[in-house]
PDB file of N, CA and C in Angstrom:
ATOM      1  N   UNK A   1       0.692  -1.217  -0.265  1.00  0.00           N
ATOM      2  CA  UNK A   1       0.485   0.004   0.050  1.00  0.00           C
ATOM      3  C   UNK A   1       0.874   1.122   0.258  1.00  0.00           C
ATOM      4  N   UNK A   2       0.497   1.830  -0.664  1.00  0.00           N
ATOM      5  CA  UNK A   2       1.379   3.191  -1.218  1.00  0.00           C
ATOM      6  C   UNK A   2       0.845   4.233   0.186  1.00  0.00           C
ATOM      7  N   UNK A   3       1.789   5.176   1.036  1.00  0.00           N
ATOM      8  CA  UNK A   3       1.798   5.863   2.193  1.00  0.00           C
ATOM      9  C   UNK A   3       1.093   7.130   0.981  1.00  0.00           C
ATOM     10  N   UNK A   4       0.455   7.906   1.521  1.00  0.00           N
ATOM     11  CA  UNK A   4      -0.083   9.117   1.185  1.00  0.00           C
ATOM     12  C   UNK A   4       0.199   9.766   2.474  1.00  0.00           C
ATOM     13  N   UNK A   5       0.820  11.365   2.145  1.00  0.00           N
ATOM     14  CA  UNK A   5       1.066  12.100   3.396  1.00  0.00           C
ATOM     15  C   UNK A   5      -0.623  12.807   3.815  1.00  0.00           C
ATOM     16  N   UNK A   6      -1.086  12.928   4.815  1.00  0.00           N
ATOM     17  CA  UNK A   6      -2.461  13.437   4.838  1.00  0.00           C
ATOM     18  C   UNK A   6      -2.384  15.243   4.711  1.00  0.00           C
ATOM     19  N   UNK A   7      -3.694  15.466   4.106  1.00  0.00           N
ATOM     20  CA  UNK A   7      -3.511  17.077   3.535  1.00  0.00           C
ATOM     21  C   UNK A   7      -3.922  17.784   5.026  1.00  0.00           C
ATOM     22  N   UNK A   8      -3.725  18.656   4.900  1.00  0.00           N
ATOM     23  CA  UNK A   8      -3.729  20.392   5.589  1.00  0.00           C
ATOM     24  C   UNK A   8      -5.835  20.558   5.287  1.00  0.00           C
ATOM     25  N   UNK A   9      -5.900  21.618   5.994  1.00  0.00           N
ATOM     26  CA  UNK A   9      -6.980  22.040   6.092  1.00  0.00           C
ATOM     27  C   UNK A   9      -7.257  23.142   4.565  1.00  0.00           C
ATOM     28  N   UNK A  10      -5.868  23.607   4.876  1.00  0.00           N
ATOM     29  CA  UNK A  10      -5.608  24.811   3.818  1.00  0.00           C
ATOM     30  C   UNK A  10      -5.499  23.887   2.267  1.00  0.00           C
ATOM     31  N   UNK A  11      -4.996  23.207   2.243  1.00  0.00           N
ATOM     32  CA  UNK A  11      -4.555  22.039   1.106  1.00  0.00           C
ATOM     33  C   UNK A  11      -5.767  21.762   0.374  1.00  0.00           C
ATOM     34  N   UNK A  12      -6.675  21.335   1.644  1.00  0.00           N
ATOM     35  CA  UNK A  12      -8.113  20.288   1.096  1.00  0.00           C
ATOM     36  C   UNK A  12      -8.904  21.470   0.681  1.00  0.00           C
ATOM     37  N   UNK A  13      -8.979  22.942   1.229  1.00  0.00           N
ATOM     38  CA  UNK A  13      -9.353  23.852   0.433  1.00  0.00           C
ATOM     39  C   UNK A  13      -9.067  24.482  -0.847  1.00  0.00           C
ATOM     40  N   UNK A  14      -7.690  24.499  -0.927  1.00  0.00           N
ATOM     41  CA  UNK A  14      -7.002  24.764  -2.432  1.00  0.00           C
ATOM     42  C   UNK A  14      -7.447  23.915  -3.499  1.00  0.00           C
ATOM     43  N   UNK A  15      -7.394  22.399  -3.556  1.00  0.00           N
ATOM     44  CA  UNK A  15      -7.582  21.621  -4.546  1.00  0.00           C
ATOM     45  C   UNK A  15      -9.706  21.893  -4.415  1.00  0.00           C
ATOM     46  N   UNK A  16     -10.525  21.902  -3.790  1.00  0.00           N
ATOM     47  CA  UNK A  16     -11.779  22.362  -3.511  1.00  0.00           C
ATOM     48  C   UNK A  16     -11.656  23.423  -4.767  1.00  0.00           C
ATOM     49  N   UNK A  17     -11.136  24.495  -4.062  1.00  0.00           N
ATOM     50  CA  UNK A  17     -10.912  25.611  -4.557  1.00  0.00           C
ATOM     51  C   UNK A  17     -12.325  26.692  -3.816  1.00  0.00           C
ATOM     52  N   UNK A  18     -12.314  26.199  -2.172  1.00  0.00           N
ATOM     53  CA  UNK A  18     -13.476  26.540  -1.660  1.00  0.00           C
ATOM     54  C   UNK A  18     -12.479  27.568  -0.572  1.00  0.00           C
ATOM     55  N   UNK A  19     -12.925  27.885   0.925  1.00  0.00           N
ATOM     56  CA  UNK A  19     -12.549  28.713   1.471  1.00  0.00           C
ATOM     57  C   UNK A  19     -12.311  27.023   2.737  1.00  0.00           C
ATOM     58  N   UNK A  20     -11.586  27.861   4.021  1.00  0.00           N
ATOM     59  CA  UNK A  20     -11.043  27.009   4.766  1.00  0.00           C
ATOM     60  C   UNK A  20     -12.307  26.928   5.486  1.00  0.00           C
ATOM     61  N   UNK A  21     -13.176  27.708   5.978  1.00  0.00           N
ATOM     62  CA  UNK A  21     -14.156  27.726   6.734  1.00  0.00           C
ATOM     63  C   UNK A  21     -15.661  26.961   6.278  1.00  0.00           C
ATOM     64  N   UNK A  22     -15.416  27.008   5.002  1.00  0.00           N
ATOM     65  CA  UNK A  22     -16.349  25.773   3.917  1.00  0.00           C
ATOM     66  C   UNK A  22     -16.067  24.488   4.033  1.00  0.00           C
ATOM     67  N   UNK A  23     -14.408  24.303   4.197  1.00  0.00           N
ATOM     68  CA  UNK A  23     -14.167  22.916   4.514  1.00  0.00           C
ATOM     69  C   UNK A  23     -14.390  22.377   6.215  1.00  0.00           C
ATOM     70  N   UNK A  24     -13.844  23.272   7.191  1.00  0.00           N
ATOM     71  CA  UNK A  24     -14.302  23.048   8.409  1.00  0.00           C
ATOM     72  C   UNK A  24     -16.081  22.402   8.547  1.00  0.00           C
ATOM     73  N   UNK A  25     -16.977  23.602   7.538  1.00  0.00           N
ATOM     74  CA  UNK A  25     -18.399  22.721   8.321  1.00  0.00           C
ATOM     75  C   UNK A  25     -18.895  21.649   7.175  1.00  0.00           C
ATOM     76  N   UNK A  26     -17.645  21.401   6.380  1.00  0.00           N
ATOM     77  CA  UNK A  26     -18.029  19.813   5.512  1.00  0.00           C
ATOM     78  C   UNK A  26     -17.722  19.187   6.726  1.00  0.00           C
ATOM     79  N   UNK A  27     -16.454  18.954   7.690  1.00  0.00           N
ATOM     80  CA  UNK A  27     -15.990  17.626   8.163  1.00  0.00           C
ATOM     81  C   UNK A  27     -17.017  18.388   9.777  1.00  0.00           C
ATOM     82  N   UNK A  28     -17.216  19.119  10.260  1.00  0.00           N
ATOM     83  CA  UNK A  28     -18.447  19.372  11.038  1.00  0.00           C
ATOM     84  C   UNK A  28     -19.450  18.924  10.649  1.00  0.00           C
ATOM     85  N   UNK A  29     -19.965  18.567   9.448  1.00  0.00           N
ATOM     86  CA  UNK A  29     -21.156  17.821   9.202  1.00  0.00           C
ATOM     87  C   UNK A  29     -21.390  16.744   8.654  1.00  0.00           C
ATOM     88  N   UNK A  30     -20.439  16.248   8.928  1.00  0.00           N
ATOM     89  CA  UNK A  30     -19.673  14.885   8.923  1.00  0.00           C
ATOM     90  C   UNK A  30     -20.008  13.678   7.002  1.00  0.00           C
ATOM     91  N   UNK A  31     -19.946  15.380   6.348  1.00  0.00           N
ATOM     92  CA  UNK A  31     -19.749  15.275   5.349  1.00  0.00           C
ATOM     93  C   UNK A  31     -18.452  14.343   4.822  1.00  0.00           C
ATOM     94  N   UNK A  32     -17.392  15.307   4.872  1.00  0.00           N
ATOM     95  CA  UNK A  32     -15.504  14.688   5.092  1.00  0.00           C
ATOM     96  C   UNK A  32     -15.435  14.265   6.577  1.00  0.00           C
ATOM     97  N   UNK A  33     -14.625  13.749   6.163  1.00  0.00           N
ATOM     98  CA  UNK A  33     -13.909  12.399   7.554  1.00  0.00           C
ATOM     99  C   UNK A  33     -12.536  13.653   7.823  1.00  0.00           C
ATOM    100  N   UNK A  34     -12.736  13.457   8.970  1.00  0.00           N
ATOM    101  CA  UNK A  34     -11.272  13.783   9.209  1.00  0.00           C
ATOM    102  C   UNK A  34     -10.317  12.798  10.226  1.00  0.00           C
ATOM    103  N   UNK A  35      -9.263  13.526  10.028  1.00  0.00           N
ATOM    104  CA  UNK A  35      -8.288  12.830  11.383  1.00  0.00           C
ATOM    105  C   UNK A  35      -7.543  14.264  12.136  1.00  0.00           C
ATOM    106  N   UNK A  36      -7.718  13.783  13.576  1.00  0.00           N
ATOM    107  CA  UNK A  36      -7.241  14.848  14.646  1.00  0.00           C
ATOM    108  C   UNK A  36      -5.962  13.974  15.210  1.00  0.00           C
ATOM    109  N   UNK A  37      -4.888  14.950  15.290  1.00  0.00           N
ATOM    110  CA  UNK A  37      -3.590  14.281  15.314  1.00  0.00           C
ATOM    111  C   UNK A  37      -2.896  15.676  16.620  1.00  0.00           C
ATOM    112  N   UNK A  38      -2.939  15.294  17.810  1.00  0.00           N
ATOM    113  CA  UNK A  38      -2.583  16.310  18.757  1.00  0.00           C
ATOM    114  C   UNK A  38      -3.042  17.461  18.452  1.00  0.00           C
ATOM    115  N   UNK A  39      -4.464  17.532  18.102  1.00  0.00           N
ATOM    116  CA  UNK A  39      -4.917  19.174  18.116  1.00  0.00           C
ATOM    117  C   UNK A  39      -5.205  19.444  16.875  1.00  0.00           C
ATOM    118  N   UNK A  40      -4.121  18.924  15.747  1.00  0.00           N
ATOM    119  CA  UNK A  40      -4.545  19.174  14.107  1.00  0.00           C
ATOM    120  C   UNK A  40      -5.348  18.654  13.580  1.00  0.00           C
ATOM    121  N   UNK A  41      -6.016  19.032  12.739  1.00  0.00           N
ATOM    122  CA  UNK A  41      -7.071  18.372  11.735  1.00  0.00           C
ATOM    123  C   UNK A  41      -6.171  18.300  10.789  1.00  0.00           C
ATOM    124  N   UNK A  42      -6.596  17.019   9.897  1.00  0.00           N
ATOM    125  CA  UNK A  42      -6.064  16.478   8.761  1.00  0.00           C
ATOM    126  C   UNK A  42      -7.224  15.678   8.021  1.00  0.00           C
ATOM    127  N   UNK A  43      -6.692  15.210   6.763  1.00  0.00           N
ATOM    128  CA  UNK A  43      -7.850  15.431   5.471  1.00  0.00           C
ATOM    129  C   UNK A  43      -7.078  14.185   4.994  1.00  0.00           C
ATOM    130  N   UNK A  44      -7.553  12.773   4.978  1.00  0.00           N
ATOM    131  CA  UNK A  44      -6.659  11.740   4.283  1.00  0.00           C
ATOM    132  C   UNK A  44      -6.997  11.812   2.771  1.00  0.00           C
ATOM    133  N   UNK A  45      -5.833  11.825   1.563  1.00  0.00           N
ATOM    134  CA  UNK A  45      -6.325  12.210   0.036  1.00  0.00           C
ATOM    135  C   UNK A  45      -7.285  11.133  -0.152  1.00  0.00           C
ATOM    136  N   UNK A  46      -7.598   9.996   0.372  1.00  0.00           N
ATOM    137  CA  UNK A  46      -8.507   8.920  -0.069  1.00  0.00           C
ATOM    138  C   UNK A  46      -9.933   9.084   0.624  1.00  0.00           C
ATOM    139  N   UNK A  47      -9.617   9.618   1.188  1.00  0.00           N
ATOM    140  CA  UNK A  47     -11.087  10.284   1.655  1.00  0.00           C
ATOM    141  C   UNK A  47     -11.977  11.618   0.793  1.00  0.00           C
ATOM    142  N   UNK A  48     -10.800  12.254   0.882  1.00  0.00           N
ATOM    143  CA  UNK A  48     -10.914  13.889  -0.159  1.00  0.00           C
ATOM    144  C   UNK A  48     -11.561  12.936  -1.689  1.00  0.00           C
ATOM    145  N   UNK A  49     -10.699  12.248  -2.238  1.00  0.00           N
ATOM    146  CA  UNK A  49     -11.467  11.937  -3.052  1.00  0.00           C
ATOM    147  C   UNK A  49     -12.422  10.968  -3.252  1.00  0.00           C
ATOM    148  N   UNK A  50     -13.084  10.209  -2.556  1.00  0.00           N
ATOM    149  CA  UNK A  50     -14.307  10.176  -1.940  1.00  0.00           C
ATOM    150  C   UNK A  50     -15.396  10.946  -2.009  1.00  0.00           C
ATOM    151  N   UNK A  51     -14.886  12.209  -1.090  1.00  0.00           N
ATOM    152  CA  UNK A  51     -15.586  13.480  -1.333  1.00  0.00           C
ATOM    153  C   UNK A  51     -16.374  13.593  -2.523  1.00  0.00           C
ATOM    154  N   UNK A  52     -14.694  14.032  -3.390  1.00  0.00           N
ATOM    155  CA  UNK A  52     -15.319  14.577  -4.634  1.00  0.00           C
ATOM    156  C   UNK A  52     -16.392  13.466  -5.323  1.00  0.00           C
ATOM    157  N   UNK A  53     -16.032  11.989  -5.690  1.00  0.00           N
ATOM    158  CA  UNK A  53     -16.380  11.513  -6.374  1.00  0.00           C
ATOM    159  C   UNK A  53     -18.076  11.037  -5.905  1.00  0.00           C
ATOM    160  N   UNK A  54     -18.380  11.356  -4.800  1.00  0.00           N
ATOM    161  CA  UNK A  54     -19.801  11.363  -4.234  1.00  0.00           C
ATOM    162  C   UNK A  54     -20.655  12.387  -4.829  1.00  0.00           C
ATOM    163  N   UNK A  55     -19.474  13.847  -4.924  1.00  0.00           N
ATOM    164  CA  UNK A  55     -20.278  14.724  -4.855  1.00  0.00           C
ATOM    165  C   UNK A  55     -20.806  15.459  -6.191  1.00  0.00           C
ATOM    166  N   UNK A  56     -19.990  14.444  -6.913  1.00  0.00           N
ATOM    167  CA  UNK A  56     -20.356  15.018  -8.600  1.00  0.00           C
ATOM    168  C   UNK A  56     -22.094  14.641  -8.842  1.00  0.00           C
ATOM    169  N   UNK A  57     -22.688  13.748  -8.044  1.00  0.00           N
ATOM    170  CA  UNK A  57     -23.708  14.183  -8.472  1.00  0.00           C
ATOM    171  C   UNK A  57     -24.283  13.533  -9.605  1.00  0.00           C
ATOM    172  N   UNK A  58     -23.534  12.150 -10.407  1.00  0.00           N
ATOM    173  CA  UNK A  58     -24.012  11.451 -11.776  1.00  0.00           C
ATOM    174  C   UNK A  58     -23.494  12.313 -12.671  1.00  0.00           C
ATOM    175  N   UNK A  59     -23.151  13.421 -12.547  1.00  0.00           N
ATOM    176  CA  UNK A  59     -22.436  14.052 -13.859  1.00  0.00           C
ATOM    177  C   UNK A  59     -20.784  13.562 -14.390  1.00  0.00           C
ATOM    178  N   UNK A  60     -21.492  13.874 -15.651  1.00  0.00           N
ATOM    179  CA  UNK A  60     -20.013  12.771 -16.271  1.00  0.00           C
ATOM    180  C   UNK A  60     -19.023  13.519 -16.802  1.00  0.00           C
TER     181      UNK A  60
END
């Protein structure tokens, strides 16, 4: 299994083209999984990819 670095909130926001506040709202709403490490919030790249795929809403 290839190890991927966890993403910071700023990196997630940049990849999605949204604000950090929106990323935090998605996490708080349970829509985007997060990992807490010593008070830092991170997102696994595979969780971000799943979120993006599920957000496509059937668009091709």
